[in-house]
Amino acid sequence: MTRATKIVATLGPASSDPAVLERLIRAGVDVVRLNFSHGSAQDHIDRAALVREIAQKVGKPVALMADLQGPKIRVGKFVDGKVMLVVGAAFTLDAQRTEPGDDTAVGLDYKELPRDVKPGDTLLLNDGLIVLTVESVQGERVHTRVKIGGVLSNNKGINKQGGGLTAPALTAKDMDDIRTAMSFQCDYLAVSFPKSATDMEMARQLANVAGEAHRHKPALIAKIERSEAIPQLENILKASDGIMVARGDLAVEVGNAAVPALQKRMIRMAREMDRVVITATQMMESMINAPVPTRAEVSDVANAVLDGTDAVMLSAETAAGQYPVETVEQMALIAEAAERAEDVQLKGDFTNRRFGRIDQSIAMGALFTAQHLGCKAIIALTESGSTALWMSRYTIKVPIFGLTSKKTSERRMALYRNVRPVLMPSFDDRDQALREAERMLKERGILRPGDTYAITCGEPMGYPGGTNMLKVSRVD
């Protein structure tokens, strides 16, 4: 694989068939997302088992990401499944209503809405396609006027322009879903709508407790979807292992025009803080129904790659689209083309950096050395995957191979930009481990006689965070 940027694909009706899933993984999927907004617990358990089975068959490490639903901030159902809202018409959102709605009023899944809004507020429904202005709040009823109309169907989402909805990031359903995700040891747990580091800390505590029986601790991804999360971004990053630039709900709250600059800022901050970052939402939206992407979508994916994102994500494109495999193939081609245009400026990256840890300094030394010597590969012998993660925060043309004896570390590294995870046997003897690492890469055709490579490891072997050696070798 020559592509550095990873691809996250959402599993759904269009991709749950074993033959299609195998084609997706062979086409370039590195992480499979299980969307807990849909399906039963058993559905997710079965799909997780299928992903692991097919990944083993293909011989490729594939990470599993469980994506929590978060709070349901939605309207209720309508008598006929949908209504047409006309500009200027009155429309009531009623938290007490139990009967199906019509073109004058509808019930709410989110019962706290009357306490979260006031006259003059703007509510955006169905990803901002319908806009309501709040005129008054009377008890459990929010009386609004339709500013931008259209068709509103069952259970469409509600956002408040500028943020301010008090719904907690973790619901009772999310807590049940965390236990389900830990039962199959998901590699990444994505938390929807966090507003602060506290939300992520609570999710980590719940996940660690639920995973204790399996001796498993997942990495946590904070989905940045609320305007309140933006001022708290640094603290959220500190409490997480990575973030997702979830551009759908975020754009509704902060406005479409603000999102591109926020995307660049989030990617840059995540890389600087040694966290992973996924760029998501509508990246190849037209390919739900078309066999080729639009030029704008090509540019969107390419720009995320050039910004340095670890991964680009597909949602409905692979979950429910007509061309799931073709979409992944196109995304892989776009990423590879964008990466060929990337500049490597390691000197500038290192000038103002200070490394307080030996293992981190060794990782940075390997990058600098490999780039200047023209090494064929960088090999990181790593228990936890941290050394490979640090290396992956910098743009370099030399591929990084994360060799580990831990299956969980191998799968986790599947998300890291420019890192190729490889499972290897465990060794107590350093020289034996170094010889085995070279043998494995020669066997895969990556290293050939005469090639140079940089390799890092820790001595004594087998201790997470113990990387303290850098060696440059030439293949005999």
Protein backbone atom coordinates (compact mmCIF):
# COMPACT_ATOMS: atom_id res chain seq x y z
CA MET A 1 0.00 0.00 0.00
CA THR A 2 1.42 3.35 -1.04
CA ARG A 3 -1.40 5.49 0.37
CA ALA A 4 -0.69 7.26 3.67
CA THR A 5 -4.19 8.60 4.39
CA LYS A 6 -6.55 6.01 5.85
CA ILE A 7 -10.17 5.37 4.86
CA VAL A 8 -13.03 4.89 7.33
CA ALA A 9 -16.16 3.23 5.91
CA THR A 10 -19.55 2.94 7.60
CA LEU A 11 -21.18 -0.48 7.59
CA GLY A 12 -24.85 -0.67 6.62
CA PRO A 13 -27.33 -2.49 4.38
CA ALA A 14 -25.24 -1.81 1.27
CA SER A 15 -22.05 -3.22 2.75
CA SER A 16 -23.00 -5.94 5.25
CA ASP A 17 -22.90 -8.76 2.72
CA PRO A 18 -19.63 -10.68 3.30
CA ALA A 19 -18.64 -10.52 -0.37
CA VAL A 20 -19.15 -6.74 -0.54
CA LEU A 21 -17.34 -6.19 2.76
CA GLU A 22 -14.38 -8.19 1.50
CA ARG A 23 -14.26 -6.08 -1.66
CA LEU A 24 -14.39 -2.90 0.45
CA ILE A 25 -11.44 -3.99 2.59
CA ARG A 26 -9.45 -5.03 -0.47
CA ALA A 27 -10.30 -1.68 -2.11
CA GLY A 28 -8.69 0.21 0.76
CA VAL A 29 -10.86 0.40 3.89
CA ASP A 30 -8.70 0.62 7.03
CA VAL A 31 -11.36 1.29 9.69
CA VAL A 32 -14.96 0.06 9.75
CA ARG A 33 -17.48 2.29 11.53
CA LEU A 34 -20.45 0.73 13.28
CA ASN A 35 -23.15 3.39 13.59
CA PHE A 36 -25.04 2.77 16.85
CA SER A 37 -27.83 5.12 15.74
CA HIS A 38 -29.17 2.17 13.76
CA GLY A 39 -29.57 -1.51 14.49
CA SER A 40 -29.73 -3.70 17.60
CA ALA A 41 -26.91 -4.69 19.92
CA GLN A 42 -26.81 -8.14 18.34
CA ASP A 43 -26.59 -6.58 14.86
CA HIS A 44 -23.41 -4.77 15.89
CA ILE A 45 -21.93 -7.82 17.60
CA ASP A 46 -22.54 -9.91 14.48
CA ARG A 47 -21.13 -7.26 12.15
CA ALA A 48 -18.04 -6.80 14.31
CA ALA A 49 -17.38 -10.55 14.16
CA LEU A 50 -17.83 -10.47 10.38
CA VAL A 51 -15.36 -7.59 9.97
CA ARG A 52 -12.73 -9.38 12.07
CA GLU A 53 -13.27 -12.63 10.16
CA ILE A 54 -12.93 -11.03 6.73
CA ALA A 55 -9.98 -8.85 7.77
CA GLN A 56 -8.17 -12.02 8.86
CA LYS A 57 -9.06 -13.70 5.56
CA VAL A 58 -7.73 -10.74 3.56
CA GLY A 59 -4.65 -10.54 5.79
CA LYS A 60 -5.06 -6.86 6.60
CA PRO A 61 -5.40 -5.17 9.99
CA VAL A 62 -8.76 -3.36 10.13
CA ALA A 63 -9.86 -1.33 13.15
CA LEU A 64 -13.44 -1.25 14.45
CA MET A 65 -14.95 2.07 15.48
CA ALA A 66 -18.17 2.06 17.51
CA ASP A 67 -19.94 5.39 16.96
CA LEU A 68 -22.37 6.25 19.76
CA GLN A 69 -25.70 7.83 18.87
CA GLY A 70 -25.63 10.57 21.50
CA PRO A 71 -28.73 12.56 22.50
CA LYS A 72 -31.75 12.34 20.18
CA ILE A 73 -32.51 15.98 19.49
CA ARG A 74 -35.26 15.29 16.99
CA VAL A 75 -38.87 15.99 16.10
CA GLY A 76 -41.40 13.18 16.48
CA LYS A 77 -43.41 11.42 13.78
CA PHE A 78 -46.10 12.74 11.42
CA VAL A 79 -49.47 11.24 10.48
CA ASP A 80 -48.40 10.74 6.87
CA GLY A 81 -44.68 10.41 7.58
CA LYS A 82 -43.94 13.95 6.42
CA VAL A 83 -45.41 17.43 6.00
CA MET A 84 -44.78 20.48 3.83
CA LEU A 85 -43.87 23.58 5.83
CA VAL A 86 -44.68 26.83 4.02
CA VAL A 87 -42.69 30.03 4.56
CA GLY A 88 -44.51 32.35 6.98
CA ALA A 89 -46.68 29.62 8.51
CA ALA A 90 -46.89 29.03 12.24
CA PHE A 91 -45.48 25.73 13.48
CA THR A 92 -45.37 24.43 17.06
CA LEU A 93 -42.83 22.07 18.61
CA ASP A 94 -44.69 20.43 21.50
CA ALA A 95 -42.78 18.42 24.11
CA GLN A 96 -46.03 17.03 25.56
CA ARG A 97 -47.60 15.91 22.30
CA THR A 98 -47.94 12.13 21.95
CA GLU A 99 -50.09 11.83 18.82
CA PRO A 100 -48.48 12.07 15.36
CA GLY A 101 -47.86 15.57 14.03
CA ASP A 102 -49.29 17.56 11.14
CA ASP A 103 -48.41 20.79 9.31
CA THR A 104 -49.22 22.88 12.40
CA ALA A 105 -47.43 21.01 15.20
CA VAL A 106 -45.30 17.98 16.03
CA GLY A 107 -44.02 16.24 19.14
CA LEU A 108 -40.41 16.12 20.34
CA ASP A 109 -38.01 13.34 21.28
CA TYR A 110 -35.98 16.02 23.09
CA LYS A 111 -38.21 17.14 25.96
CA GLU A 112 -35.89 19.88 27.24
CA LEU A 113 -36.18 22.07 24.14
CA PRO A 114 -38.72 24.53 25.70
CA ARG A 115 -36.18 25.33 28.44
CA ASP A 116 -33.26 25.70 26.03
CA VAL A 117 -34.76 28.32 23.71
CA LYS A 118 -36.21 31.84 23.91
CA PRO A 119 -37.97 34.22 21.52
CA GLY A 120 -35.70 35.27 18.69
CA ASP A 121 -33.70 32.03 18.60
CA THR A 122 -33.24 30.25 15.28
CA LEU A 123 -33.85 26.51 15.02
CA LEU A 124 -32.49 24.50 12.11
CA LEU A 125 -34.13 21.22 11.19
CA ASN A 126 -33.05 18.41 8.86
CA ASP A 127 -29.40 19.57 8.63
CA GLY A 128 -30.41 23.20 8.19
CA LEU A 129 -32.70 22.69 5.20
CA ILE A 130 -35.65 24.01 7.24
CA VAL A 131 -35.30 27.13 9.41
CA LEU A 132 -37.71 28.17 12.16
CA THR A 133 -37.70 31.38 14.20
CA VAL A 134 -38.88 31.06 17.82
CA GLU A 135 -41.70 33.53 18.56
CA SER A 136 -42.70 32.42 22.06
CA VAL A 137 -42.38 29.62 24.59
CA GLN A 138 -45.50 28.67 26.52
CA GLY A 139 -45.03 25.80 28.95
CA GLU A 140 -43.99 22.75 26.94
CA ARG A 141 -44.76 24.35 23.57
CA VAL A 142 -42.29 26.24 21.40
CA HIS A 143 -44.20 28.44 18.94
CA THR A 144 -42.22 29.21 15.79
CA ARG A 145 -42.60 30.85 12.39
CA VAL A 146 -41.27 29.11 9.26
CA LYS A 147 -38.43 31.15 7.78
CA ILE A 148 -37.24 28.59 5.23
CA GLY A 149 -39.77 25.89 4.38
CA GLY A 150 -39.75 22.50 2.74
CA VAL A 151 -40.59 18.86 3.42
CA LEU A 152 -40.09 17.77 7.03
CA SER A 153 -40.28 14.04 7.67
CA ASN A 154 -40.25 11.81 10.74
CA ASN A 155 -37.51 12.09 13.37
CA LYS A 156 -35.43 14.78 11.66
CA GLY A 157 -32.75 16.44 13.79
CA ILE A 158 -32.98 19.84 15.49
CA ASN A 159 -30.08 22.25 15.97
CA LYS A 160 -30.02 25.65 17.60
CA GLN A 161 -28.03 28.24 15.69
CA GLY A 162 -25.03 29.20 17.80
CA GLY A 163 -25.46 26.17 20.08
CA GLY A 164 -26.85 26.14 23.57
CA LEU A 165 -28.86 22.92 23.77
CA THR A 166 -28.27 21.32 27.17
CA ALA A 167 -28.61 17.66 26.14
CA PRO A 168 -25.89 15.52 27.79
CA ALA A 169 -23.35 13.88 25.50
CA LEU A 170 -23.96 10.43 27.01
CA THR A 171 -27.47 8.99 27.27
CA ALA A 172 -28.72 5.79 28.90
CA LYS A 173 -28.69 4.18 25.47
CA ASP A 174 -25.06 5.21 24.96
CA MET A 175 -24.12 3.57 28.24
CA ASP A 176 -25.74 0.31 27.10
CA ASP A 177 -24.03 0.65 23.74
CA ILE A 178 -20.63 1.13 25.39
CA ARG A 179 -21.09 -2.24 27.10
CA THR A 180 -22.01 -3.79 23.74
CA ALA A 181 -18.95 -2.22 22.06
CA MET A 182 -16.68 -3.53 24.80
CA SER A 183 -18.10 -7.04 24.41
CA PHE A 184 -16.39 -7.21 20.99
CA GLN A 185 -13.46 -4.99 22.05
CA CYS A 186 -13.93 -2.12 19.62
CA ASP A 187 -10.65 -0.40 18.86
CA TYR A 188 -12.11 3.12 18.78
CA LEU A 189 -15.14 4.54 20.58
CA ALA A 190 -16.55 7.70 18.98
CA VAL A 191 -18.48 9.98 21.36
CA SER A 192 -21.18 12.16 19.80
CA PHE A 193 -21.80 15.81 20.76
CA PRO A 194 -19.20 16.25 23.56
CA LYS A 195 -19.10 19.82 24.86
CA SER A 196 -16.13 19.53 27.21
CA ALA A 197 -13.28 17.34 28.43
CA THR A 198 -15.60 16.13 31.20
CA ASP A 199 -17.84 14.40 28.65
CA MET A 200 -14.84 12.51 27.26
CA GLU A 201 -13.50 11.65 30.70
CA MET A 202 -16.88 10.19 31.65
CA ALA A 203 -16.99 8.15 28.44
CA ARG A 204 -13.48 6.82 29.09
CA GLN A 205 -14.37 5.81 32.62
CA LEU A 206 -17.50 3.99 31.44
CA ALA A 207 -15.58 2.26 28.63
CA ASN A 208 -12.74 1.19 30.90
CA VAL A 209 -15.16 -0.26 33.45
CA ALA A 210 -17.16 -2.08 30.75
CA GLY A 211 -13.96 -3.36 29.13
CA GLU A 212 -12.35 -4.54 32.36
CA ALA A 213 -13.73 -8.07 32.02
CA HIS A 214 -12.06 -8.28 28.61
CA ARG A 215 -8.88 -6.47 29.74
CA HIS A 216 -9.57 -3.95 27.01
CA LYS A 217 -9.35 -0.17 26.88
CA PRO A 218 -10.46 1.48 23.62
CA ALA A 219 -9.10 4.68 22.14
CA LEU A 220 -11.63 7.54 22.34
CA ILE A 221 -12.60 9.80 19.43
CA ALA A 222 -14.43 13.05 20.22
CA LYS A 223 -16.85 14.04 17.45
CA ILE A 224 -16.71 17.83 17.19
CA GLU A 225 -20.32 18.69 16.32
CA ARG A 226 -21.37 21.43 18.75
CA SER A 227 -20.38 25.07 18.68
CA GLU A 228 -19.68 24.82 22.43
CA ALA A 229 -16.91 22.32 21.68
CA ILE A 230 -14.85 24.82 19.66
CA PRO A 231 -13.63 26.98 22.61
CA GLN A 232 -12.96 23.75 24.53
CA LEU A 233 -11.11 22.05 21.68
CA GLU A 234 -7.69 21.87 23.35
CA ASN A 235 -9.11 20.42 26.56
CA ILE A 236 -11.25 17.94 24.62
CA LEU A 237 -8.16 16.84 22.68
CA LYS A 238 -6.21 16.32 25.90
CA ALA A 239 -9.00 14.06 27.21
CA SER A 240 -9.27 12.09 23.94
CA ASP A 241 -7.09 9.98 21.67
CA GLY A 242 -8.38 11.80 18.61
CA ILE A 243 -11.17 13.88 17.13
CA MET A 244 -13.59 13.65 14.24
CA VAL A 245 -14.31 16.78 12.24
CA ALA A 246 -18.05 16.03 12.03
CA ARG A 247 -18.97 18.70 9.54
CA GLY A 248 -22.72 18.06 9.33
CA ASP A 249 -24.08 19.11 12.72
CA LEU A 250 -21.14 21.49 13.22
CA ALA A 251 -21.97 23.37 10.01
CA VAL A 252 -25.60 23.71 11.07
CA GLU A 253 -24.61 25.29 14.38
CA VAL A 254 -21.73 27.55 13.27
CA GLY A 255 -22.69 28.11 9.61
CA ASN A 256 -21.32 26.44 6.50
CA ALA A 257 -18.84 29.23 5.76
CA ALA A 258 -17.01 28.77 9.08
CA VAL A 259 -16.36 25.05 8.69
CA PRO A 260 -13.39 24.94 6.23
CA ALA A 261 -11.22 27.15 8.45
CA LEU A 262 -12.30 25.20 11.55
CA GLN A 263 -11.41 21.96 9.78
CA LYS A 264 -7.88 23.17 9.07
CA ARG A 265 -7.48 24.42 12.64
CA MET A 266 -8.70 21.13 14.14
CA ILE A 267 -6.42 19.01 11.96
CA ARG A 268 -3.42 21.19 12.76
CA MET A 269 -4.13 21.18 16.50
CA ALA A 270 -4.66 17.41 16.60
CA ARG A 271 -1.32 16.78 14.88
CA GLU A 272 0.49 19.20 17.17
CA MET A 273 -0.96 17.44 20.23
CA ASP A 274 -0.12 13.94 18.92
CA ARG A 275 -3.75 12.98 18.43
CA VAL A 276 -5.41 11.36 15.42
CA VAL A 277 -8.01 13.18 13.35
CA ILE A 278 -10.76 11.96 11.03
CA THR A 279 -12.47 14.26 8.50
CA ALA A 280 -16.10 13.26 7.93
CA THR A 281 -19.51 14.08 6.44
CA GLN A 282 -20.59 14.28 2.80
CA MET A 283 -17.09 13.74 1.42
CA MET A 284 -18.37 11.70 -1.55
CA GLU A 285 -22.10 12.31 -1.08
CA SER A 286 -23.02 12.23 -4.78
CA MET A 287 -21.67 8.67 -5.06
CA ILE A 288 -24.62 7.41 -3.03
CA ASN A 289 -26.39 7.44 -6.40
CA ALA A 290 -23.67 8.13 -8.98
CA PRO A 291 -20.67 6.01 -10.07
CA VAL A 292 -18.25 8.97 -10.08
CA PRO A 293 -17.71 11.88 -7.65
CA THR A 294 -18.19 15.54 -8.44
CA ARG A 295 -15.13 17.75 -8.99
CA ALA A 296 -15.97 19.59 -5.76
CA GLU A 297 -15.92 16.32 -3.81
CA VAL A 298 -12.54 15.41 -5.31
CA SER A 299 -11.19 18.77 -4.14
CA ASP A 300 -12.75 18.34 -0.70
CA VAL A 301 -11.07 14.97 -0.11
CA ALA A 302 -7.77 16.17 -1.55
CA ASN A 303 -7.74 19.28 0.64
CA ALA A 304 -8.36 17.23 3.78
CA VAL A 305 -5.42 15.02 2.79
CA LEU A 306 -3.19 18.04 2.14
CA ASP A 307 -4.24 19.48 5.53
CA GLY A 308 -2.78 16.33 7.11
CA THR A 309 -5.87 14.41 8.23
CA ASP A 310 -5.22 10.84 9.35
CA ALA A 311 -8.36 9.54 7.70
CA VAL A 312 -11.26 10.50 5.49
CA MET A 313 -14.64 8.96 6.30
CA LEU A 314 -17.57 7.64 4.30
CA SER A 315 -21.04 7.45 5.86
CA ALA A 316 -24.14 6.83 3.74
CA GLU A 317 -21.88 6.34 0.71
CA THR A 318 -20.88 2.87 1.94
CA ALA A 319 -23.75 2.21 4.37
CA ALA A 320 -26.63 2.70 1.95
CA GLY A 321 -25.19 3.82 -1.39
CA GLN A 322 -25.41 2.09 -4.74
CA TYR A 323 -21.64 2.15 -5.33
CA PRO A 324 -19.86 1.40 -2.00
CA VAL A 325 -16.79 -0.32 -3.48
CA GLU A 326 -16.37 2.21 -6.29
CA THR A 327 -16.57 5.03 -3.73
CA VAL A 328 -13.71 3.59 -1.69
CA GLU A 329 -11.65 3.04 -4.85
CA GLN A 330 -12.18 6.65 -5.93
CA MET A 331 -11.34 7.99 -2.49
CA ALA A 332 -8.11 5.97 -2.43
CA LEU A 333 -7.08 7.33 -5.84
CA ILE A 334 -7.76 10.93 -4.78
CA ALA A 335 -5.77 10.51 -1.56
CA GLU A 336 -2.79 9.02 -3.38
CA ALA A 337 -2.76 11.81 -5.95
CA ALA A 338 -2.92 14.50 -3.25
CA GLU A 339 -0.11 12.88 -1.25
CA ARG A 340 2.19 12.95 -4.26
CA ALA A 341 1.92 16.75 -4.21
CA GLU A 342 2.79 17.09 -0.51
CA ASP A 343 5.93 18.93 0.58
CA VAL A 344 8.26 17.55 3.26
CA GLN A 345 9.68 20.25 5.51
CA LEU A 346 10.96 18.42 8.56
CA LYS A 347 13.54 21.06 9.44
CA GLY A 348 10.83 23.66 9.88
CA ASP A 349 8.72 21.22 11.91
CA PHE A 350 11.56 20.49 14.34
CA THR A 351 13.03 23.97 14.79
CA ASN A 352 10.82 25.06 17.69
CA ARG A 353 9.96 21.65 19.18
CA ARG A 354 11.26 20.36 22.50
CA PHE A 355 11.04 16.68 23.35
CA GLY A 356 11.02 15.83 27.05
CA ARG A 357 10.77 12.07 26.55
CA ILE A 358 13.51 9.77 25.28
CA ASP A 359 11.11 7.62 23.24
CA GLN A 360 9.62 10.67 21.54
CA SER A 361 13.08 12.05 20.74
CA ILE A 362 14.08 8.70 19.21
CA ALA A 363 10.94 8.77 17.04
CA MET A 364 11.76 12.25 15.77
CA GLY A 365 15.40 11.29 15.16
CA ALA A 366 14.27 8.34 13.04
CA LEU A 367 12.16 10.62 10.83
CA PHE A 368 14.95 13.12 10.28
CA THR A 369 17.56 10.45 9.61
CA ALA A 370 15.38 8.42 7.25
CA GLN A 371 14.41 11.47 5.21
CA HIS A 372 17.98 12.68 4.76
CA LEU A 373 19.46 9.26 4.03
CA GLY A 374 16.69 8.32 1.63
CA CYS A 375 15.76 5.23 3.61
CA LYS A 376 13.36 2.75 2.09
CA ALA A 377 11.40 2.37 5.32
CA ILE A 378 11.17 3.29 8.97
CA ILE A 379 10.49 0.36 11.28
CA ALA A 380 9.13 1.03 14.77
CA LEU A 381 9.16 -1.98 17.11
CA THR A 382 6.40 -0.89 19.47
CA GLU A 383 4.23 -2.39 22.19
CA SER A 384 1.56 0.30 22.44
CA GLY A 385 1.96 1.92 19.02
CA SER A 386 2.97 5.29 20.53
CA THR A 387 6.29 5.51 18.66
CA ALA A 388 4.53 4.99 15.34
CA LEU A 389 1.89 7.57 16.31
CA TRP A 390 4.50 10.24 17.04
CA MET A 391 6.24 9.55 13.74
CA SER A 392 2.94 9.79 11.88
CA ARG A 393 2.34 13.38 13.05
CA TYR A 394 4.86 14.62 10.46
CA THR A 395 4.64 14.53 6.68
CA ILE A 396 7.34 12.29 5.27
CA LYS A 397 7.60 10.26 2.07
CA VAL A 398 9.20 7.29 3.83
CA PRO A 399 6.63 4.64 4.88
CA ILE A 400 6.46 3.81 8.59
CA PHE A 401 5.99 0.19 9.62
CA GLY A 402 4.64 -0.33 13.13
CA LEU A 403 5.70 -3.84 14.20
CA THR A 404 4.02 -5.08 17.35
CA SER A 405 3.25 -8.36 19.08
CA LYS A 406 -0.09 -7.03 20.33
CA LYS A 407 -3.16 -7.50 18.14
CA THR A 408 -4.90 -4.51 19.76
CA SER A 409 -1.95 -2.23 18.94
CA GLU A 410 -1.84 -3.54 15.37
CA ARG A 411 -5.51 -2.67 14.82
CA ARG A 412 -5.23 0.71 16.53
CA MET A 413 -2.34 1.70 14.26
CA ALA A 414 -4.58 1.03 11.24
CA LEU A 415 -5.92 4.59 11.68
CA TYR A 416 -2.53 6.33 11.91
CA ARG A 417 -1.50 8.27 8.82
CA ASN A 418 1.41 6.72 6.88
CA VAL A 419 1.69 3.79 9.31
CA ARG A 420 1.52 0.18 8.07
CA PRO A 421 0.82 -2.09 11.05
CA VAL A 422 2.47 -5.52 11.09
CA LEU A 423 1.96 -8.25 13.69
CA MET A 424 5.21 -9.97 14.69
CA PRO A 425 6.22 -12.55 17.33
CA SER A 426 7.35 -11.35 20.74
CA PHE A 427 11.09 -11.44 21.50
CA ASP A 428 13.10 -10.85 24.65
CA ASP A 429 16.35 -10.58 22.73
CA ARG A 430 16.86 -7.29 20.91
CA ASP A 431 19.12 -8.57 18.11
CA GLN A 432 16.76 -11.43 17.38
CA ALA A 433 13.86 -8.97 17.14
CA LEU A 434 15.81 -6.71 14.77
CA ARG A 435 16.68 -9.65 12.50
CA GLU A 436 13.06 -10.82 12.46
CA ALA A 437 11.82 -7.32 11.59
CA GLU A 438 14.14 -7.14 8.59
CA ARG A 439 13.21 -10.66 7.50
CA MET A 440 9.48 -9.87 7.60
CA LEU A 441 9.83 -6.77 5.45
CA LYS A 442 12.11 -8.58 2.99
CA GLU A 443 9.54 -11.36 2.77
CA ARG A 444 6.86 -8.78 1.90
CA GLY A 445 9.01 -7.31 -0.86
CA ILE A 446 9.37 -3.96 0.94
CA LEU A 447 13.11 -4.26 1.58
CA ARG A 448 15.60 -5.55 -0.99
CA PRO A 449 19.38 -6.07 -0.92
CA GLY A 450 21.13 -2.72 -0.77
CA ASP A 451 18.19 -0.83 0.76
CA THR A 452 18.75 1.21 3.92
CA TYR A 453 16.17 1.51 6.67
CA ALA A 454 15.87 3.10 10.10
CA ILE A 455 14.64 0.98 12.99
CA THR A 456 13.70 1.94 16.55
CA CYS A 457 13.15 -0.27 19.57
CA GLY A 458 13.46 -0.36 23.34
CA GLU A 459 16.01 -2.19 25.45
CA PRO A 460 15.06 -4.18 27.46
CA MET A 461 12.32 -5.35 25.09
CA GLY A 462 8.59 -5.45 25.80
CA TYR A 463 8.02 -2.32 27.89
CA PRO A 464 5.50 0.27 26.61
CA GLY A 465 7.11 3.70 26.33
CA GLY A 466 10.60 2.17 26.48
CA THR A 467 11.86 3.06 22.98
CA ASN A 468 15.47 4.21 23.47
CA MET A 469 17.41 3.03 20.42
CA LEU A 470 17.71 4.12 16.79
CA LYS A 471 19.68 2.07 14.29
CA VAL A 472 20.25 2.54 10.57
CA SER A 473 20.89 -0.70 8.65
CA ARG A 474 21.55 -1.80 5.09
CA VAL A 475 20.00 -4.98 3.79
CA ASP A 476 22.62 -7.59 2.77
